[in-house]
C-alpha atoms as a PDB file:
ATOM      1  CA  MET A   1     127.991  87.340  68.266  1.00  0.00           C
ATOM      2  CA  SER A   2     129.762  86.064  65.362  1.00  0.00           C
ATOM      3  CA  VAL A   3     127.855  84.394  62.521  1.00  0.00           C
ATOM      4  CA  ALA A   4     129.591  81.813  60.334  1.00  0.00           C
ATOM      5  CA  ILE A   5     128.794  82.696  57.030  1.00  0.00           C
ATOM      6  CA  GLY A   6     130.116  79.635  55.149  1.00  0.00           C
ATOM      7  CA  ARG A   7     132.405  79.525  52.107  1.00  0.00           C
ATOM      8  CA  VAL A   8     131.778  83.003  50.764  1.00  0.00           C
ATOM      9  CA  ILE A   9     135.273  83.129  49.339  1.00  0.00           C
ATOM     10  CA  GLY A  10     136.761  80.013  47.746  1.00  0.00           C
ATOM     11  CA  THR A  11     140.081  78.467  48.616  1.00  0.00           C
ATOM     12  CA  VAL A  12     142.044  80.423  45.845  1.00  0.00           C
ATOM     13  CA  GLU A  13     140.780  83.739  47.177  1.00  0.00           C
ATOM     14  CA  LYS A  14     141.767  82.801  50.663  1.00  0.00           C
ATOM     15  CA  VAL A  15     145.358  81.586  49.560  1.00  0.00           C
ATOM     16  CA  LEU A  16     145.789  85.065  47.929  1.00  0.00           C
ATOM     17  CA  PHE A  17     144.368  86.789  50.877  1.00  0.00           C
ATOM     18  CA  LEU A  18     146.674  84.807  53.172  1.00  0.00           C
ATOM     19  CA  LYS A  19     149.757  85.603  51.113  1.00  0.00           C
ATOM     20  CA  SER A  20     149.021  89.213  51.091  1.00  0.00           C
ATOM     21  CA  ILE A  21     149.406  88.961  55.102  1.00  0.00           C
ATOM     22  CA  ASP A  22     152.836  89.497  56.632  1.00  0.00           C
ATOM     23  CA  LEU A  23     152.450  86.503  58.756  1.00  0.00           C
ATOM     24  CA  PHE A  24     152.320  84.067  55.569  1.00  0.00           C
ATOM     25  CA  SER A  25     154.187  86.277  52.989  1.00  0.00           C
ATOM     26  CA  GLN A  26     156.935  83.954  52.841  1.00  0.00           C
ATOM     27  CA  ILE A  27     154.846  80.793  52.781  1.00  0.00           C
ATOM     28  CA  SER A  28     154.522  78.733  49.506  1.00  0.00           C
ATOM     29  CA  GLY A  29     151.000  78.711  47.788  1.00  0.00           C
ATOM     30  CA  GLU A  30     150.804  74.950  48.358  1.00  0.00           C
ATOM     31  CA  ASP A  31     151.457  75.349  51.957  1.00  0.00           C
ATOM     32  CA  LEU A  32     148.887  78.244  52.215  1.00  0.00           C
ATOM     33  CA  SER A  33     146.381  76.198  50.457  1.00  0.00           C
ATOM     34  CA  GLN A  34     146.617  73.713  53.528  1.00  0.00           C
ATOM     35  CA  ILE A  35     146.078  76.624  55.896  1.00  0.00           C
ATOM     36  CA  ALA A  36     143.183  78.032  53.717  1.00  0.00           C
ATOM     37  CA  LEU A  37     141.270  74.781  54.187  1.00  0.00           C
ATOM     38  CA  ILE A  38     141.258  75.149  58.032  1.00  0.00           C
ATOM     39  CA  THR A  39     139.830  78.637  57.940  1.00  0.00           C
ATOM     40  CA  ASP A  40     136.405  79.663  58.491  1.00  0.00           C
ATOM     41  CA  GLU A  41     134.762  82.912  57.426  1.00  0.00           C
ATOM     42  CA  VAL A  42     132.922  84.800  60.191  1.00  0.00           C
ATOM     43  CA  GLN A  43     131.358  88.217  60.366  1.00  0.00           C
ATOM     44  CA  PHE A  44     130.744  90.580  63.246  1.00  0.00           C
ATOM     45  CA  GLU A  45     128.362  93.479  63.513  1.00  0.00           C
ATOM     46  CA  ASP A  46     129.531  96.955  64.590  1.00  0.00           C
ATOM     47  CA  GLY A  47     129.902  96.782  68.398  1.00  0.00           C
ATOM     48  CA  ASP A  48     130.184  93.117  68.789  1.00  0.00           C
ATOM     49  CA  GLU A  49     132.544  91.702  71.414  1.00  0.00           C
ATOM     50  CA  ILE A  50     134.771  89.360  69.344  1.00  0.00           C
ATOM     51  CA  PHE A  51     136.413  88.008  72.601  1.00  0.00           C
ATOM     52  CA  HIS A  52     136.828  89.343  76.212  1.00  0.00           C
ATOM     53  CA  GLN A  53     140.196  89.822  78.143  1.00  0.00           C
ATOM     54  CA  GLY A  54     140.531  86.866  80.528  1.00  0.00           C
ATOM     55  CA  ASP A  55     138.421  84.537  78.526  1.00  0.00           C
ATOM     56  CA  GLY A  56     140.048  81.327  77.209  1.00  0.00           C
ATOM     57  CA  GLY A  57     141.158  81.732  73.733  1.00  0.00           C
ATOM     58  CA  GLN A  58     141.887  79.274  71.027  1.00  0.00           C
ATOM     59  CA  THR A  59     141.357  81.352  67.872  1.00  0.00           C
ATOM     60  CA  LEU A  60     143.366  83.429  65.502  1.00  0.00           C
ATOM     61  CA  PHE A  61     141.727  86.083  63.278  1.00  0.00           C
ATOM     62  CA  PHE A  62     142.622  87.752  60.030  1.00  0.00           C
ATOM     63  CA  ILE A  63     140.479  90.840  59.047  1.00  0.00           C
ATOM     64  CA  ILE A  64     139.191  90.631  55.529  1.00  0.00           C
ATOM     65  CA  GLU A  65     137.219  93.935  55.898  1.00  0.00           C
ATOM     66  CA  GLY A  66     136.359  96.184  58.658  1.00  0.00           C
ATOM     67  CA  LYS A  67     137.998  97.557  61.878  1.00  0.00           C
ATOM     68  CA  VAL A  68     138.629  95.896  65.147  1.00  0.00           C
ATOM     69  CA  ARG A  69     139.613  97.724  68.455  1.00  0.00           C
ATOM     70  CA  ILE A  70     141.906  95.791  70.825  1.00  0.00           C
ATOM     71  CA  HIS A  71     141.652  97.153  74.380  1.00  0.00           C
ATOM     72  CA  ALA A  72     142.275  96.046  77.955  1.00  0.00           C
ATOM     73  CA  ASN A  73     141.460  96.563  81.585  1.00  0.00           C
ATOM     74  CA  GLY A  74     138.781  99.072  80.701  1.00  0.00           C
ATOM     75  CA  VAL A  75     141.331 101.623  79.832  1.00  0.00           C
ATOM     76  CA  ALA A  76     139.951 104.416  77.503  1.00  0.00           C
ATOM     77  CA  ASP A  77     143.099 104.217  75.152  1.00  0.00           C
ATOM     78  CA  ASP A  78     143.122 101.366  72.709  1.00  0.00           C
ATOM     79  CA  LEU A  79     145.991  99.123  72.417  1.00  0.00           C
ATOM     80  CA  ALA A  80     145.418  99.108  68.740  1.00  0.00           C
ATOM     81  CA  VAL A  81     142.827  99.624  66.017  1.00  0.00           C
ATOM     82  CA  LEU A  82     143.138  97.115  63.521  1.00  0.00           C
ATOM     83  CA  SER A  83     141.857  97.041  59.705  1.00  0.00           C
ATOM     84  CA  GLU A  84     142.112  94.910  56.713  1.00  0.00           C
ATOM     85  CA  ARG A  85     145.051  92.197  56.448  1.00  0.00           C
ATOM     86  CA  ALA A  86     145.455  92.525  60.274  1.00  0.00           C
ATOM     87  CA  VAL A  87     146.041  89.592  62.401  1.00  0.00           C
ATOM     88  CA  PHE A  88     144.722  89.365  66.100  1.00  0.00           C
ATOM     89  CA  GLY A  89     144.450  86.624  68.712  1.00  0.00           C
ATOM     90  CA  GLU A  90     147.661  84.888  67.781  1.00  0.00           C
ATOM     91  CA  MET A  91     148.792  84.477  71.302  1.00  0.00           C
ATOM     92  CA  ALA A  92     145.755  82.207  71.809  1.00  0.00           C
ATOM     93  CA  LEU A  93     147.235  79.780  69.180  1.00  0.00           C
ATOM     94  CA  LEU A  94     150.524  79.575  71.113  1.00  0.00           C
ATOM     95  CA  ASP A  95     149.535  79.147  74.644  1.00  0.00           C
ATOM     96  CA  SER A  96     146.374  78.329  76.729  1.00  0.00           C
ATOM     97  CA  GLU A  97     146.569  81.222  78.896  1.00  0.00           C
ATOM     98  CA  PRO A  98     143.483  83.736  79.091  1.00  0.00           C
ATOM     99  CA  ARG A  99     143.028  86.466  76.424  1.00  0.00           C
ATOM    100  CA  SER A 100     145.413  89.288  77.341  1.00  0.00           C
ATOM    101  CA  ALA A 101     142.887  91.903  75.879  1.00  0.00           C
ATOM    102  CA  SER A 102     139.441  92.386  74.459  1.00  0.00           C
ATOM    103  CA  ALA A 103     138.654  92.663  70.817  1.00  0.00           C
ATOM    104  CA  THR A 104     135.439  94.662  69.601  1.00  0.00           C
ATOM    105  CA  ALA A 105     134.188  95.362  66.127  1.00  0.00           C
ATOM    106  CA  LEU A 106     134.314  99.015  65.425  1.00  0.00           C
ATOM    107  CA  THR A 107     132.437  98.520  62.169  1.00  0.00           C
ATOM    108  CA  ASP A 108     130.844  95.388  60.415  1.00  0.00           C
ATOM    109  CA  VAL A 109     133.764  93.065  60.237  1.00  0.00           C
ATOM    110  CA  VAL A 110     134.557  89.973  58.152  1.00  0.00           C
ATOM    111  CA  CYS A 111     137.311  87.777  59.156  1.00  0.00           C
ATOM    112  CA  LEU A 112     138.896  84.444  58.529  1.00  0.00           C
ATOM    113  CA  LYS A 113     139.616  82.417  61.704  1.00  0.00           C
ATOM    114  CA  ILE A 114     141.585  79.424  62.497  1.00  0.00           C
ATOM    115  CA  GLU A 115     141.207  77.235  65.645  1.00  0.00           C
ATOM    116  CA  ARG A 116     144.302  76.352  67.590  1.00  0.00           C
ATOM    117  CA  ASP A 117     144.139  72.408  67.187  1.00  0.00           C
ATOM    118  CA  ASP A 118     143.834  72.696  63.413  1.00  0.00           C
ATOM    119  CA  PHE A 119     146.596  75.109  63.424  1.00  0.00           C
ATOM    120  CA  ASN A 120     149.075  73.150  65.620  1.00  0.00           C
ATOM    121  CA  GLU A 121     148.667  70.135  63.145  1.00  0.00           C
ATOM    122  CA  ILE A 122     149.980  72.435  60.386  1.00  0.00           C
ATOM    123  CA  LEU A 123     152.524  74.204  62.553  1.00  0.00           C
ATOM    124  CA  ALA A 124     154.191  70.995  63.523  1.00  0.00           C
ATOM    125  CA  GLU A 125     154.961  70.317  59.840  1.00  0.00           C
ATOM    126  CA  LYS A 126     155.872  74.074  58.973  1.00  0.00           C
ATOM    127  CA  SER A 127     158.390  75.802  60.960  1.00  0.00           C
ATOM    128  CA  GLU A 128     158.112  78.740  58.724  1.00  0.00           C
ATOM    129  CA  ILE A 129     154.611  79.560  60.052  1.00  0.00           C
ATOM    130  CA  ALA A 130     155.942  79.589  63.602  1.00  0.00           C
ATOM    131  CA  GLN A 131     158.823  82.082  62.567  1.00  0.00           C
ATOM    132  CA  GLY A 132     156.148  84.448  61.014  1.00  0.00           C
ATOM    133  CA  ILE A 133     154.032  84.489  64.163  1.00  0.00           C
ATOM    134  CA  ILE A 134     157.000  85.096  66.394  1.00  0.00           C
ATOM    135  CA  LYS A 135     158.010  88.019  64.054  1.00  0.00           C
ATOM    136  CA  VAL A 136     154.555  89.542  64.556  1.00  0.00           C
ATOM    137  CA  LEU A 137     154.689  89.264  68.061  1.00  0.00           C
ATOM    138  CA  ILE A 138     158.095  90.786  68.360  1.00  0.00           C
ATOM    139  CA  ARG A 139     156.957  93.725  66.259  1.00  0.00           C
ATOM    140  CA  ARG A 140     154.029  94.273  68.354  1.00  0.00           C
ATOM    141  CA  LEU A 141     156.016  94.108  71.492  1.00  0.00           C
ATOM    142  CA  ARG A 142     158.550  96.581  70.252  1.00  0.00           C
ATOM    143  CA  SER A 143     155.633  99.074  69.190  1.00  0.00           C
ATOM    144  CA  THR A 144     154.284  98.723  72.780  1.00  0.00           C
ATOM    145  CA  LEU A 145     157.506  99.342  74.207  1.00  0.00           C
ATOM    146  CA  ASP A 146     158.187 102.247  72.003  1.00  0.00           C
ATOM    147  CA  ARG A 147     154.767 103.878  72.967  1.00  0.00           C
ATOM    148  CA  GLN A 148     155.491 103.499  76.748  1.00  0.00           C
ATOM    149  CA  ARG A 149     159.039 105.221  76.117  1.00  0.00           C
ATOM    150  CA  VAL A 150     157.187 108.047  74.513  1.00  0.00           C
ATOM    151  CA  SER A 151     154.417 108.254  77.161  1.00  0.00           C
ATOM    152  CA  GLY A 152     156.849 107.772  80.104  1.00  0.00           C
ATOM    153  CA  PRO A 153     157.078 105.282  82.835  1.00  0.00           C
ATOM    154  CA  VAL A 154     154.256 103.953  84.728  1.00  0.00           C
ATOM    155  CA  THR A 155     154.024 105.311  88.333  1.00  0.00           C
ATOM    156  CA  LYS A 156     151.982 104.217  91.165  1.00  0.00           C
ATOM    157  CA  ALA A 157     150.295 106.770  93.551  1.00  0.00           C
END
């Protein structure tokens, strides 16, 4: 279960952190300060489920420290293991579909989170942010397709 830990890092530190994330690397400091104001810092303990596949989602997460396992359908193989500066849950900001995978803390984790409603207000004003999210999604899709090509086609028995 996440625990809100308040404003442990200030707005300036949040802006610097967000600027170091691929998603926001091309966004101005002034725009990032608006985004920093809508972020909340949360922490999860090792083994905590951050969200579950199939649940409704409306939160995007940025890992400040720790590792998060992204997994689906009870399959032993992870879709991804993410660490510092990684973004996850971004699809929840773009649609209201159920979560496509689960996220579990592999270590103690500290994240910044952004809720969909807050993000949509900024997104409406800043198309660069939408473009950044699209780039991240495309990169992840390509990575998944590349892994499938290496492992071969999925066949049904």
